Amino acid sequence: MAVSRRTVIASALAGAGVAAGLGAQAQSAQAQSAQAAASPPGDVVGKITVGYQGWFACSGDGAPINGWWHWSQNWGQSPSPTNTAIVSWPDVRDYTHTYRTAYPALGSGQPATLFSSYDQQTVDTHFSWMRQYGMDTAALQRFNPNGGEGATRDAMAAKVRSAAEKYERKFYIMYDATGWTNMQPEMKADWLEKMKAYTASPAYARQNGKPVVGIWGFGFNEPNKAWSAPVCLDVVNWFKAQGCYVMGGVPTHWRSGNEDSRVGFLDVYHAFDMLSPWMVGRIGNIAGADNFYTNVNSPDQAHCDAHGIDYQPCVLPGDLQSGHRAHGDFMWRQFYNMCRLGVAGIYISMFDEFNEGNQIAKTAENSSQTPVGSGIRALDEDGTACSSDYYLRLTGDGGRMLKGELALTPVRPTPPGGTTPPPTGDLALRRPASASSQTQNYAPGNAVDGDSNSYWESANNAGFPQWIQVDLGSVSPVKRVVLSLPPNPAWTTRTQTLSVLGSTVAGGGAMSPLSASAAYVFNPASGNSVTIPVAGGSSARFVRIEFTGNSGWPAGQLAGLSVYAD
């Protein structure tokens, strides 16, 4: 059984604030971040990265490991109150397949079931959440793959690639060297023989034009991380010689070389392109977060600036079972501190860490969704009702603040219960988009990314109809739809025949007409956009534009798909 490191150790930045009309304080923080970062914005700099375990399996799911991987202490037996490896319970309502455990029924009377990471639909669900809530990149944890877990971990890498490509997220391989005795030659061999092939994916994260690789564990002052500094430095430099941008998950006190860090490792730390000091188990309340901001994070940032290293500190939601979360205030304070510091990026610890209660993935809201008598706390543990997706939403807002899309503020803007103000502005902006087809890299996400020059284009000469669809996230009134093509005059005037459809059904089924098919002229002289009014009283979660003709090109084309409730 692999040892969890957490069990062992108990931006587009420049100019974004001005464009968004933010206050001087926010603009100053963003200018500081752009100036401080050693690298320009890429797939990790200026972005939210989530640590992704992907290490849960269930008996009967077909995984080579053939057991309850990481759900129970004894993987050969079903999880139960006396055979458990978790301290938080997931909300499983979005998974199409779950597996019954030996836990008592939930408070609602429903069977206590768990998901398997080995099911592709589980990974797809997680990456769809990443897209829906604005997380940019996932760091897939890869422990020593040469033992009994190897085949399952290999399969998880393929599943993550598939989901990242499908949902237009980035991913990279992050080696966890914990307990890896023969790490130096075996990590290199694993990269060359298996993992390097994943860099061919358009979804593989790149920074400064180089594929990103993470290595976690060098320099920790622990028996299962006993490699010498020269060995660790050799591995880092080897990956850099392979053309990789190397991110290091390092001890909290890496800079001073004491407490959780071994002495004599500063040259190793300086060799990394990016440093991400570990924070789980270090803070558990707002006062602790502020103390670390002053005494650890701030001097860390200054040191990284002086040595041309990108600084990516951890932000964690807090151990739910230990009562650290303060219904989101603890996590938001960390976002605020890191954004006012001007960090290069943020690493969320973790996406799916139900073993230590630091997960942001959908979690049981209240006792009706946890096993009776289990003692497992739900999100309302401090008396504040929180929706199961609350920490996904909170992370999304933290990412917006990092990128300058939200003014720097110590006041948490995210409502715990999921009750949001009436929708305003473009409801489709940066929401999940899909399409009937696409040409090359002209993906549907380009139509909702806020960039008037990027565009979606369906497969050429594939015939009509073709369609593009956006998921607004929840059912909303729809009053008008604005469609556009790039404003460049090279996009000559064309007429596209199209209709607007909508659905309130999960998954976008049962489409109904919101605006009948008509011919719309897109003319660069008038902004290359059209506004389509929608009949009063219409509501939808999914809005689809269906094309049946285009006088300028044998495909459907859109640079902008905006939906408004006002």
Protein backbone atom coordinates (compact mmCIF):
# COMPACT_ATOMS: atom_id res chain seq x y z
CA MET A 1 0.00 0.00 0.00
CA ALA A 2 1.46 3.36 -1.02
CA VAL A 3 2.10 5.87 1.75
CA SER A 4 0.36 9.21 1.33
CA ARG A 5 2.78 12.10 1.77
CA ARG A 6 0.09 13.87 3.72
CA THR A 7 -0.26 11.00 6.17
CA VAL A 8 3.48 10.97 6.70
CA ILE A 9 3.92 14.69 7.43
CA ALA A 10 0.73 15.36 9.54
CA SER A 11 -1.93 35.95 -15.80
CA ALA A 12 -2.68 36.90 -17.89
CA LEU A 13 -1.78 38.93 -14.91
CA ALA A 14 -0.44 42.12 -16.37
CA GLY A 15 -3.13 44.59 -17.41
CA ALA A 16 -6.05 42.41 -16.41
CA GLY A 17 -6.96 44.60 -13.45
CA VAL A 18 -7.10 47.70 -15.59
CA ALA A 19 -9.21 45.97 -18.21
CA ALA A 20 -11.66 44.86 -15.56
CA GLY A 21 -11.86 48.34 -14.05
CA LEU A 22 -10.54 47.20 -10.67
CA GLY A 23 -9.42 49.43 -7.84
CA ALA A 24 -5.84 50.65 -7.35
CA GLN A 25 -5.13 48.03 -4.69
CA ALA A 26 -6.03 45.14 -6.98
CA GLN A 27 -4.13 46.67 -9.90
CA SER A 28 -1.06 47.09 -7.70
CA ALA A 29 -1.18 43.45 -6.61
CA GLN A 30 -1.52 42.26 -10.19
CA ALA A 31 1.31 44.51 -11.39
CA GLN A 32 3.47 43.14 -8.58
CA SER A 33 2.63 39.58 -9.63
CA ALA A 34 3.45 40.23 -13.28
CA GLN A 35 6.73 41.86 -12.29
CA ALA A 36 7.66 39.23 -9.71
CA ALA A 37 7.02 36.09 -11.74
CA ALA A 38 10.16 34.75 -13.39
CA SER A 39 8.03 33.38 -16.23
CA PRO A 40 5.16 34.82 -18.26
CA PRO A 41 1.64 33.43 -17.93
CA GLY A 42 1.34 29.88 -19.23
CA ASP A 43 -0.35 26.68 -18.10
CA VAL A 44 0.90 26.97 -14.49
CA VAL A 45 2.07 30.58 -14.10
CA GLY A 46 -0.97 32.80 -13.62
CA LYS A 47 -3.17 29.74 -13.20
CA ILE A 48 -4.94 27.60 -10.60
CA THR A 49 -3.46 24.09 -10.43
CA VAL A 50 -5.21 21.37 -8.45
CA GLY A 51 -3.45 18.35 -7.01
CA TYR A 52 -5.30 15.31 -8.36
CA GLN A 53 -4.88 11.97 -6.61
CA GLY A 54 -7.08 9.79 -8.83
CA TRP A 55 -6.26 6.91 -6.50
CA PHE A 56 -9.60 5.43 -5.46
CA ALA A 57 -10.72 2.00 -6.63
CA CYS A 58 -13.54 -0.34 -5.62
CA SER A 59 -13.96 -4.07 -5.69
CA GLY A 60 -15.65 -4.99 -8.97
CA ASP A 61 -14.62 -1.90 -10.95
CA GLY A 62 -12.19 -3.81 -13.18
CA ALA A 63 -9.05 -2.04 -11.91
CA PRO A 64 -5.92 -4.23 -11.90
CA ILE A 65 -5.41 -3.48 -8.23
CA ASN A 66 -8.66 -5.37 -7.55
CA GLY A 67 -9.66 -3.85 -4.22
CA TRP A 68 -10.87 -0.84 -2.28
CA TRP A 69 -7.76 1.21 -3.04
CA HIS A 70 -7.42 4.11 -0.58
CA TRP A 71 -11.02 3.79 0.62
CA SER A 72 -10.21 1.25 3.33
CA GLN A 73 -7.21 0.21 5.39
CA ASN A 74 -7.58 -3.39 4.24
CA TRP A 75 -8.16 -3.05 0.51
CA GLY A 76 -9.43 -6.61 0.31
CA GLN A 77 -12.45 -5.80 2.46
CA SER A 78 -15.25 -3.31 1.93
CA PRO A 79 -14.92 0.06 3.69
CA SER A 80 -16.73 0.23 7.03
CA PRO A 81 -16.48 2.25 10.24
CA THR A 82 -13.77 -0.14 11.45
CA ASN A 83 -11.99 -0.49 8.09
CA THR A 84 -11.68 2.97 6.66
CA ALA A 85 -8.99 5.21 5.19
CA ILE A 86 -11.10 8.36 4.77
CA VAL A 87 -12.29 11.15 7.04
CA SER A 88 -14.68 12.88 4.60
CA TRP A 89 -17.56 11.51 2.56
CA PRO A 90 -18.10 12.46 -1.10
CA ASP A 91 -21.37 13.63 -2.58
CA VAL A 92 -21.83 10.89 -5.19
CA ARG A 93 -24.98 12.19 -6.91
CA ASP A 94 -23.14 13.18 -10.11
CA TYR A 95 -21.58 9.76 -10.71
CA THR A 96 -23.39 7.29 -12.96
CA HIS A 97 -21.87 4.29 -11.19
CA THR A 98 -20.98 3.80 -7.53
CA TYR A 99 -20.14 0.81 -5.34
CA ARG A 100 -21.89 -0.28 -2.18
CA THR A 101 -19.80 -0.33 1.00
CA ALA A 102 -20.22 -1.97 4.40
CA TYR A 103 -20.97 1.36 6.03
CA PRO A 104 -24.47 1.86 7.49
CA ALA A 105 -26.97 3.62 5.24
CA LEU A 106 -26.79 7.38 4.84
CA GLY A 107 -28.94 9.59 7.02
CA SER A 108 -31.37 9.81 4.10
CA GLY A 109 -31.77 6.02 4.11
CA GLN A 110 -29.89 5.61 0.83
CA PRO A 111 -27.12 2.97 0.63
CA ALA A 112 -23.60 4.23 1.45
CA THR A 113 -21.80 4.02 -1.89
CA LEU A 114 -18.47 5.36 -3.18
CA PHE A 115 -17.03 6.19 -6.58
CA SER A 116 -14.08 4.57 -8.35
CA SER A 117 -11.42 6.70 -10.00
CA TYR A 118 -10.92 3.79 -12.40
CA ASP A 119 -14.29 4.52 -14.03
CA GLN A 120 -13.75 6.96 -16.88
CA GLN A 121 -17.03 8.67 -16.04
CA THR A 122 -15.64 9.55 -12.60
CA VAL A 123 -12.59 11.23 -14.08
CA ASP A 124 -14.75 12.92 -16.71
CA THR A 125 -17.01 14.24 -13.95
CA HIS A 126 -14.05 15.65 -12.04
CA PHE A 127 -12.62 17.38 -15.10
CA SER A 128 -16.04 18.72 -16.06
CA TRP A 129 -16.14 20.31 -12.59
CA MET A 130 -12.70 21.78 -13.17
CA ARG A 131 -13.94 23.41 -16.34
CA GLN A 132 -17.26 24.48 -14.86
CA TYR A 133 -15.67 26.12 -11.83
CA GLY A 134 -12.61 27.61 -13.49
CA MET A 135 -9.68 25.39 -12.52
CA ASP A 136 -6.99 25.45 -15.18
CA THR A 137 -4.59 22.57 -14.64
CA ALA A 138 -4.50 19.23 -12.83
CA ALA A 139 -1.29 17.73 -11.43
CA LEU A 140 -1.76 13.95 -11.55
CA GLN A 141 0.06 12.38 -8.61
CA ARG A 142 2.28 9.49 -9.66
CA PHE A 143 3.86 7.43 -6.90
CA ASN A 144 6.39 4.63 -7.50
CA PRO A 145 4.74 2.72 -10.39
CA ASN A 146 6.97 -0.35 -10.22
CA GLY A 147 5.01 -2.33 -7.64
CA GLY A 148 1.49 -3.70 -7.42
CA GLU A 149 -0.11 -0.30 -8.03
CA GLY A 150 1.73 0.28 -11.29
CA ALA A 151 -0.84 -1.03 -13.78
CA THR A 152 -3.66 0.91 -12.15
CA ARG A 153 -1.58 4.10 -12.03
CA ASP A 154 -0.68 3.66 -15.71
CA ALA A 155 -4.36 3.36 -16.54
CA MET A 156 -5.18 6.48 -14.52
CA ALA A 157 -2.73 8.53 -16.57
CA ALA A 158 -4.59 7.53 -19.74
CA LYS A 159 -7.98 8.31 -18.19
CA VAL A 160 -6.79 11.75 -17.06
CA ARG A 161 -5.47 12.52 -20.52
CA SER A 162 -8.82 11.58 -22.05
CA ALA A 163 -10.79 13.72 -19.62
CA ALA A 164 -8.43 16.71 -19.95
CA GLU A 165 -8.74 16.64 -23.72
CA LYS A 166 -12.51 16.24 -23.56
CA TYR A 167 -13.04 19.12 -21.14
CA GLU A 168 -10.26 21.36 -22.40
CA ARG A 169 -8.23 21.40 -19.18
CA LYS A 170 -4.47 21.02 -18.85
CA PHE A 171 -2.73 18.25 -16.93
CA TYR A 172 0.79 17.19 -16.11
CA ILE A 173 2.58 14.32 -14.38
CA MET A 174 3.67 15.02 -10.80
CA TYR A 175 5.97 12.38 -9.38
CA ASP A 176 5.67 11.74 -5.65
CA ALA A 177 8.97 10.22 -4.57
CA THR A 178 7.74 9.17 -1.13
CA GLY A 179 9.11 5.73 -0.23
CA TRP A 180 10.67 5.27 -3.70
CA THR A 181 13.94 3.58 -2.74
CA ASN A 182 15.46 3.24 -6.23
CA MET A 183 14.03 6.56 -7.35
CA GLN A 184 16.98 8.02 -9.27
CA PRO A 185 17.14 5.54 -12.20
CA GLU A 186 13.50 4.38 -12.05
CA MET A 187 11.90 7.83 -12.27
CA LYS A 188 13.99 8.63 -15.34
CA ALA A 189 13.09 5.29 -16.94
CA ASP A 190 9.39 5.76 -16.21
CA TRP A 191 9.45 9.15 -17.90
CA LEU A 192 11.24 7.90 -21.00
CA GLU A 193 9.33 4.64 -21.36
CA LYS A 194 5.81 5.73 -20.36
CA MET A 195 4.99 9.25 -19.23
CA LYS A 196 6.88 11.31 -21.80
CA ALA A 197 4.44 10.11 -24.47
CA TYR A 198 1.68 12.11 -22.77
CA THR A 199 3.39 15.37 -23.67
CA ALA A 200 2.12 14.81 -27.23
CA SER A 201 -1.40 15.55 -25.96
CA PRO A 202 -2.71 19.05 -26.71
CA ALA A 203 -3.93 19.02 -23.11
CA TYR A 204 -0.50 18.44 -21.58
CA ALA A 205 0.54 21.52 -19.59
CA ARG A 206 3.36 23.64 -20.91
CA GLN A 207 5.18 26.57 -19.38
CA ASN A 208 7.72 28.68 -21.26
CA GLY A 209 7.10 26.33 -24.19
CA LYS A 210 8.24 23.29 -22.19
CA PRO A 211 6.24 20.33 -20.87
CA VAL A 212 5.69 20.60 -17.12
CA VAL A 213 6.85 17.86 -14.76
CA GLY A 214 6.37 17.98 -11.00
CA ILE A 215 8.53 16.23 -8.41
CA TRP A 216 7.31 16.10 -4.83
CA GLY A 217 9.37 15.07 -1.84
CA PHE A 218 12.98 16.17 -2.33
CA GLY A 219 14.60 17.57 0.81
CA PHE A 220 11.99 16.50 3.35
CA ASN A 221 13.54 15.51 6.65
CA GLU A 222 11.80 12.13 6.84
CA PRO A 223 13.04 8.52 6.76
CA ASN A 224 11.12 7.62 3.57
CA LYS A 225 12.73 10.52 1.66
CA ALA A 226 16.38 9.83 2.45
CA TRP A 227 18.04 10.55 -0.90
CA SER A 228 21.11 12.74 -0.84
CA ALA A 229 21.19 16.26 -2.24
CA PRO A 230 23.46 15.24 -5.15
CA VAL A 231 21.04 12.47 -6.15
CA CYS A 232 18.06 14.85 -6.09
CA LEU A 233 19.95 17.55 -7.97
CA ASP A 234 20.89 15.01 -10.64
CA VAL A 235 17.23 14.10 -11.17
CA VAL A 236 16.07 17.72 -11.42
CA ASN A 237 18.82 18.62 -13.87
CA TRP A 238 18.14 15.47 -15.90
CA PHE A 239 14.51 16.46 -16.42
CA LYS A 240 15.59 19.98 -17.36
CA ALA A 241 18.03 18.51 -19.87
CA GLN A 242 15.07 16.58 -21.32
CA GLY A 243 13.51 19.96 -22.11
CA CYS A 244 11.05 20.02 -19.19
CA TYR A 245 9.91 22.85 -16.96
CA VAL A 246 10.32 21.29 -13.51
CA MET A 247 8.06 22.16 -10.59
CA GLY A 248 9.18 21.12 -7.10
CA GLY A 249 6.90 20.24 -4.23
CA VAL A 250 9.29 21.06 -1.40
CA PRO A 251 9.30 21.34 2.41
CA THR A 252 7.60 24.31 4.04
CA HIS A 253 10.92 25.54 5.43
CA TRP A 254 13.00 24.92 2.31
CA ARG A 255 14.55 28.38 2.36
CA SER A 256 15.89 28.21 5.93
CA GLY A 257 16.78 24.51 5.69
CA ASN A 258 15.39 23.55 9.07
CA GLU A 259 12.31 21.98 10.71
CA ASP A 260 10.80 19.84 7.90
CA SER A 261 13.73 20.43 5.51
CA ARG A 262 17.07 18.66 5.47
CA VAL A 263 20.16 20.85 5.54
CA GLY A 264 22.30 21.25 2.44
CA PHE A 265 19.47 21.15 -0.12
CA LEU A 266 19.35 24.80 -1.19
CA ASP A 267 21.10 24.06 -4.50
CA VAL A 268 18.43 21.44 -5.22
CA TYR A 269 15.63 23.89 -4.49
CA HIS A 270 17.28 26.56 -6.64
CA ALA A 271 17.48 24.12 -9.56
CA PHE A 272 13.68 23.91 -9.86
CA ASP A 273 11.88 26.25 -12.26
CA MET A 274 8.96 26.55 -9.84
CA LEU A 275 8.71 25.94 -6.09
CA SER A 276 5.55 24.91 -4.28
CA PRO A 277 6.18 24.53 -0.53
CA TRP A 278 3.84 22.12 1.25
CA MET A 279 1.32 23.57 3.71
CA VAL A 280 -1.01 20.75 4.77
CA GLY A 281 -0.67 20.25 8.51
CA ARG A 282 1.06 23.60 8.93
CA ILE A 283 -1.92 25.91 9.37
CA GLY A 284 -5.48 25.35 10.54
CA ASN A 285 -6.98 28.79 11.12
CA ILE A 286 -6.90 32.36 9.82
CA ALA A 287 -4.36 33.52 12.41
CA GLY A 288 -2.00 30.78 11.31
CA ALA A 289 -2.47 31.74 7.66
CA ASP A 290 -1.63 35.36 8.43
CA ASN A 291 1.41 34.36 10.46
CA PHE A 292 2.73 32.29 7.57
CA TYR A 293 2.01 35.12 5.13
CA THR A 294 4.25 37.45 7.13
CA ASN A 295 6.99 35.10 8.26
CA VAL A 296 7.15 32.42 5.56
CA ASN A 297 5.34 33.28 2.33
CA SER A 298 6.59 36.86 2.01
CA PRO A 299 10.29 36.04 2.44
CA ASP A 300 9.80 32.96 0.23
CA GLN A 301 8.46 35.21 -2.54
CA ALA A 302 11.36 37.63 -2.18
CA HIS A 303 13.87 34.78 -2.32
CA CYS A 304 12.27 33.29 -5.43
CA ASP A 305 12.21 36.71 -7.11
CA ALA A 306 15.90 37.14 -6.39
CA HIS A 307 16.74 33.76 -7.90
CA GLY A 308 14.43 33.78 -10.94
CA ILE A 309 12.15 31.03 -9.61
CA ASP A 310 8.36 30.95 -10.03
CA TYR A 311 6.63 30.77 -6.63
CA GLN A 312 3.45 28.67 -6.43
CA PRO A 313 2.32 28.34 -2.78
CA CYS A 314 -0.35 25.91 -1.64
CA VAL A 315 -3.86 26.96 -0.71
CA LEU A 316 -5.95 24.40 1.14
CA PRO A 317 -9.62 24.30 2.17
CA GLY A 318 -8.71 22.91 5.60
CA ASP A 319 -9.21 19.54 7.27
CA LEU A 320 -12.99 19.21 7.43
CA GLN A 321 -12.94 16.54 10.11
CA SER A 322 -10.77 18.73 12.37
CA GLY A 323 -13.05 21.75 11.97
CA HIS A 324 -10.52 23.95 10.20
CA ARG A 325 -12.66 25.29 7.39
CA ALA A 326 -14.68 28.08 9.04
CA HIS A 327 -17.21 27.69 6.18
CA GLY A 328 -14.70 28.95 3.62
CA ASP A 329 -13.20 31.91 5.48
CA PHE A 330 -9.97 30.00 6.16
CA MET A 331 -9.44 29.19 2.49
CA TRP A 332 -10.42 32.65 1.29
CA ARG A 333 -7.90 34.26 3.65
CA GLN A 334 -5.17 32.20 2.01
CA PHE A 335 -6.33 33.25 -1.47
CA TYR A 336 -6.32 36.89 -0.35
CA ASN A 337 -2.84 36.62 1.20
CA MET A 338 -1.33 34.92 -1.83
CA CYS A 339 -2.91 37.29 -4.32
CA ARG A 340 -1.78 40.40 -2.43
CA LEU A 341 1.70 38.89 -2.29
CA GLY A 342 1.73 38.62 -6.08
CA VAL A 343 2.50 34.91 -6.44
CA ALA A 344 3.15 33.29 -9.82
CA GLY A 345 0.38 30.71 -9.39
CA ILE A 346 -1.56 28.75 -6.79
CA TYR A 347 -1.56 25.02 -6.08
CA ILE A 348 -4.75 23.67 -4.47
CA SER A 349 -4.10 20.93 -1.91
CA MET A 350 -6.07 18.89 -2.96
CA PHE A 351 -8.90 18.20 -5.39
CA ASP A 352 -9.93 14.73 -4.18
CA GLU A 353 -8.10 14.17 -0.88
CA PHE A 354 -10.93 12.49 1.07
CA ASN A 355 -8.32 10.62 3.11
CA GLU A 356 -7.26 13.72 5.01
CA GLY A 357 -10.34 15.90 4.60
CA ASN A 358 -8.66 18.55 2.44
CA GLN A 359 -10.72 17.92 -0.70
CA ILE A 360 -12.51 20.61 -2.71
CA ALA A 361 -14.48 18.05 -4.77
CA LYS A 362 -18.19 17.77 -4.03
CA THR A 363 -18.66 16.63 -0.45
CA ALA A 364 -21.59 15.59 1.74
CA GLU A 365 -23.58 18.68 2.71
CA ASN A 366 -25.18 17.40 5.91
CA SER A 367 -25.91 14.28 7.95
CA SER A 368 -28.47 13.07 5.42
CA GLN A 369 -25.54 12.41 3.06
CA THR A 370 -23.11 10.71 5.48
CA PRO A 371 -23.32 7.17 6.94
CA VAL A 372 -25.31 7.00 10.17
CA GLY A 373 -23.09 6.76 13.23
CA SER A 374 -19.85 7.09 11.25
CA GLY A 375 -18.74 10.29 12.95
CA ILE A 376 -17.79 11.73 9.55
CA ARG A 377 -18.43 15.45 9.47
CA ALA A 378 -20.36 17.06 6.63
CA LEU A 379 -19.83 20.56 5.24
CA ASP A 380 -22.33 22.05 7.70
CA GLU A 381 -20.21 20.89 10.67
CA ASP A 382 -19.96 24.41 12.14
CA GLY A 383 -23.65 25.17 11.72
CA THR A 384 -23.38 26.94 8.35
CA ALA A 385 -25.15 25.20 5.47
CA CYS A 386 -22.81 24.76 2.50
CA SER A 387 -23.65 23.33 -0.91
CA SER A 388 -21.66 20.27 -1.92
CA ASP A 389 -19.87 22.29 -4.63
CA TYR A 390 -19.07 25.20 -2.31
CA TYR A 391 -15.29 24.72 -2.29
CA LEU A 392 -15.25 24.30 -6.05
CA ARG A 393 -17.06 27.63 -6.35
CA LEU A 394 -14.75 29.21 -3.78
CA THR A 395 -11.70 27.99 -5.69
CA GLY A 396 -13.15 29.43 -8.88
CA ASP A 397 -13.53 32.83 -7.23
CA GLY A 398 -10.00 32.60 -5.85
CA GLY A 399 -8.76 31.93 -9.36
CA ARG A 400 -10.64 34.96 -10.64
CA MET A 401 -8.92 37.11 -8.02
CA LEU A 402 -5.51 35.66 -8.98
CA LYS A 403 -6.16 36.53 -12.64
CA GLY A 404 -7.42 40.03 -11.95
CA GLU A 405 -11.01 39.26 -12.89
CA LEU A 406 -12.12 39.96 -9.32
CA ALA A 407 -10.88 42.88 -7.21
CA LEU A 408 -8.46 41.98 -4.43
CA THR A 409 -10.57 41.61 -1.31
CA PRO A 410 -10.26 40.02 2.15
CA VAL A 411 -14.03 39.54 2.17
CA ARG A 412 -15.13 36.17 0.82
CA PRO A 413 -17.50 36.79 -2.12
CA THR A 414 -18.75 33.20 -2.42
CA PRO A 415 -22.05 32.32 -0.68
CA PRO A 416 -21.76 28.98 1.16
CA GLY A 417 -25.29 27.82 0.51
CA GLY A 418 -25.16 28.21 -3.23
CA THR A 419 -27.77 30.97 -3.24
CA THR A 420 -26.36 33.40 -5.75
CA PRO A 421 -27.59 36.86 -6.72
CA PRO A 422 -29.74 37.14 -9.86
CA PRO A 423 -27.51 36.55 -12.88
CA THR A 424 -26.07 39.56 -14.66
CA GLY A 425 -23.56 40.00 -17.44
CA ASP A 426 -22.59 37.29 -19.91
CA LEU A 427 -23.86 34.02 -18.44
CA ALA A 428 -21.90 31.99 -20.99
CA LEU A 429 -18.49 33.54 -20.30
CA ARG A 430 -15.93 30.77 -19.63
CA ARG A 431 -18.68 28.22 -19.11
CA PRO A 432 -18.34 24.64 -20.39
CA ALA A 433 -19.00 24.45 -24.14
CA SER A 434 -19.40 21.54 -26.52
CA ALA A 435 -20.12 21.13 -30.21
CA SER A 436 -21.20 18.70 -32.88
CA SER A 437 -17.66 18.85 -34.32
CA GLN A 438 -14.60 21.05 -34.61
CA THR A 439 -11.80 21.77 -37.06
CA GLN A 440 -8.22 21.36 -35.82
CA ASN A 441 -7.79 23.34 -32.58
CA TYR A 442 -10.77 25.64 -33.17
CA ALA A 443 -12.57 24.23 -30.16
CA PRO A 444 -15.98 25.23 -28.77
CA GLY A 445 -14.35 26.77 -25.69
CA ASN A 446 -12.96 29.51 -27.94
CA ALA A 447 -16.46 30.92 -28.38
CA VAL A 448 -16.92 31.57 -24.65
CA ASP A 449 -13.36 32.55 -23.61
CA GLY A 450 -13.95 36.30 -23.89
CA ASP A 451 -11.36 36.67 -26.68
CA SER A 452 -12.93 38.15 -29.81
CA ASN A 453 -10.14 36.81 -32.01
CA SER A 454 -10.32 33.14 -31.05
CA TYR A 455 -13.15 31.15 -32.58
CA TRP A 456 -14.92 27.82 -32.92
CA GLU A 457 -15.31 26.23 -36.31
CA SER A 458 -17.13 22.99 -37.03
CA ALA A 459 -15.68 20.30 -39.26
CA ASN A 460 -15.31 21.67 -42.79
CA ASN A 461 -17.44 20.23 -45.57
CA ALA A 462 -19.11 17.87 -43.10
CA GLY A 463 -22.55 19.16 -43.99
CA PHE A 464 -25.21 20.85 -41.90
CA PRO A 465 -26.70 21.03 -39.36
CA GLN A 466 -23.81 21.74 -36.99
CA TRP A 467 -24.15 23.11 -33.47
CA ILE A 468 -22.34 24.63 -30.52
CA GLN A 469 -23.73 24.51 -26.98
CA VAL A 470 -22.93 26.17 -23.65
CA ASP A 471 -23.77 24.97 -20.14
CA LEU A 472 -24.75 28.00 -18.01
CA GLY A 473 -24.35 25.94 -14.83
CA SER A 474 -27.92 26.36 -13.65
CA VAL A 475 -31.32 27.19 -15.10
CA SER A 476 -31.45 30.92 -15.82
CA PRO A 477 -33.76 33.36 -17.61
CA VAL A 478 -32.59 33.97 -21.18
CA LYS A 479 -33.53 37.32 -22.72
CA ARG A 480 -31.00 37.72 -25.53
CA VAL A 481 -28.12 35.97 -27.24
CA VAL A 482 -25.22 37.82 -28.85
CA LEU A 483 -23.19 36.02 -31.52
CA SER A 484 -20.01 37.30 -33.14
CA LEU A 485 -17.15 36.51 -35.49
CA PRO A 486 -13.62 37.96 -35.25
CA PRO A 487 -13.65 41.74 -35.93
CA ASN A 488 -10.72 41.51 -38.36
CA PRO A 489 -11.86 42.79 -41.82
CA ALA A 490 -10.29 39.66 -43.32
CA TRP A 491 -13.46 37.98 -42.11
CA THR A 492 -15.57 39.12 -45.02
CA THR A 493 -19.33 39.58 -44.71
CA ARG A 494 -21.24 36.32 -44.56
CA THR A 495 -24.72 35.09 -43.75
CA GLN A 496 -25.22 32.24 -41.33
CA THR A 497 -28.58 30.57 -41.00
CA LEU A 498 -29.16 29.42 -37.47
CA SER A 499 -31.61 28.90 -34.63
CA VAL A 500 -31.33 29.21 -30.85
CA LEU A 501 -32.39 26.22 -28.74
CA GLY A 502 -32.50 25.68 -24.99
CA SER A 503 -32.91 22.93 -22.41
CA THR A 504 -33.39 22.77 -18.66
CA VAL A 505 -32.65 19.04 -18.59
CA ALA A 506 -29.36 17.72 -17.16
CA GLY A 507 -26.98 16.87 -19.98
CA GLY A 508 -28.75 19.16 -22.43
CA GLY A 509 -31.47 16.81 -23.65
CA ALA A 510 -34.97 17.75 -24.83
CA MET A 511 -34.02 20.96 -26.65
CA SER A 512 -36.78 23.50 -27.26
CA PRO A 513 -36.70 26.47 -29.64
CA LEU A 514 -35.83 29.85 -28.07
CA SER A 515 -35.59 31.66 -31.41
CA ALA A 516 -36.66 30.22 -34.77
CA SER A 517 -34.23 29.62 -37.60
CA ALA A 518 -33.32 32.77 -39.52
CA ALA A 519 -30.54 34.18 -41.70
CA TYR A 520 -28.17 36.54 -39.86
CA VAL A 521 -25.64 38.80 -41.58
CA PHE A 522 -22.22 39.08 -39.93
CA ASN A 523 -20.52 42.23 -41.26
CA PRO A 524 -17.09 43.44 -40.03
CA ALA A 525 -18.17 47.01 -40.70
CA SER A 526 -20.78 46.71 -37.95
CA GLY A 527 -18.69 44.71 -35.47
CA ASN A 528 -19.33 41.30 -37.04
CA SER A 529 -21.96 40.54 -34.40
CA VAL A 530 -25.69 39.99 -34.19
CA THR A 531 -28.10 40.19 -31.27
CA ILE A 532 -30.97 37.73 -31.13
CA PRO A 533 -33.87 38.53 -28.77
CA VAL A 534 -35.49 35.60 -26.98
CA ALA A 535 -39.20 35.43 -26.25
CA GLY A 536 -40.15 36.56 -22.73
CA GLY A 537 -40.39 33.92 -20.04
CA SER A 538 -37.76 31.61 -21.56
CA SER A 539 -35.31 29.85 -19.27
CA ALA A 540 -32.51 27.37 -19.94
CA ARG A 541 -29.39 25.83 -18.52
CA PHE A 542 -28.09 24.66 -21.88
CA VAL A 543 -28.19 27.06 -24.83
CA ARG A 544 -27.47 25.66 -28.29
CA ILE A 545 -26.88 27.49 -31.58
CA GLU A 546 -27.74 25.23 -34.50
CA PHE A 547 -26.40 26.15 -37.94
CA THR A 548 -27.96 25.08 -41.20
CA GLY A 549 -25.97 27.28 -43.55
CA ASN A 550 -23.02 29.66 -43.98
CA SER A 551 -22.48 31.67 -47.15
CA GLY A 552 -18.82 32.34 -46.32
CA TRP A 553 -17.45 28.94 -45.32
CA PRO A 554 -18.59 25.29 -45.36
CA ALA A 555 -18.91 25.14 -41.56
CA GLY A 556 -20.50 26.80 -38.57
CA GLN A 557 -18.32 29.55 -37.07
CA LEU A 558 -18.47 31.65 -33.89
CA ALA A 559 -15.92 33.75 -32.01
CA GLY A 560 -18.41 34.86 -29.39
CA LEU A 561 -21.44 33.18 -27.84
CA SER A 562 -22.89 35.38 -25.10
CA VAL A 563 -26.11 34.79 -23.19
CA TYR A 564 -27.87 37.44 -21.11
CA ALA A 565 -30.72 37.35 -18.62
CA ASP A 566 -31.31 41.10 -18.85
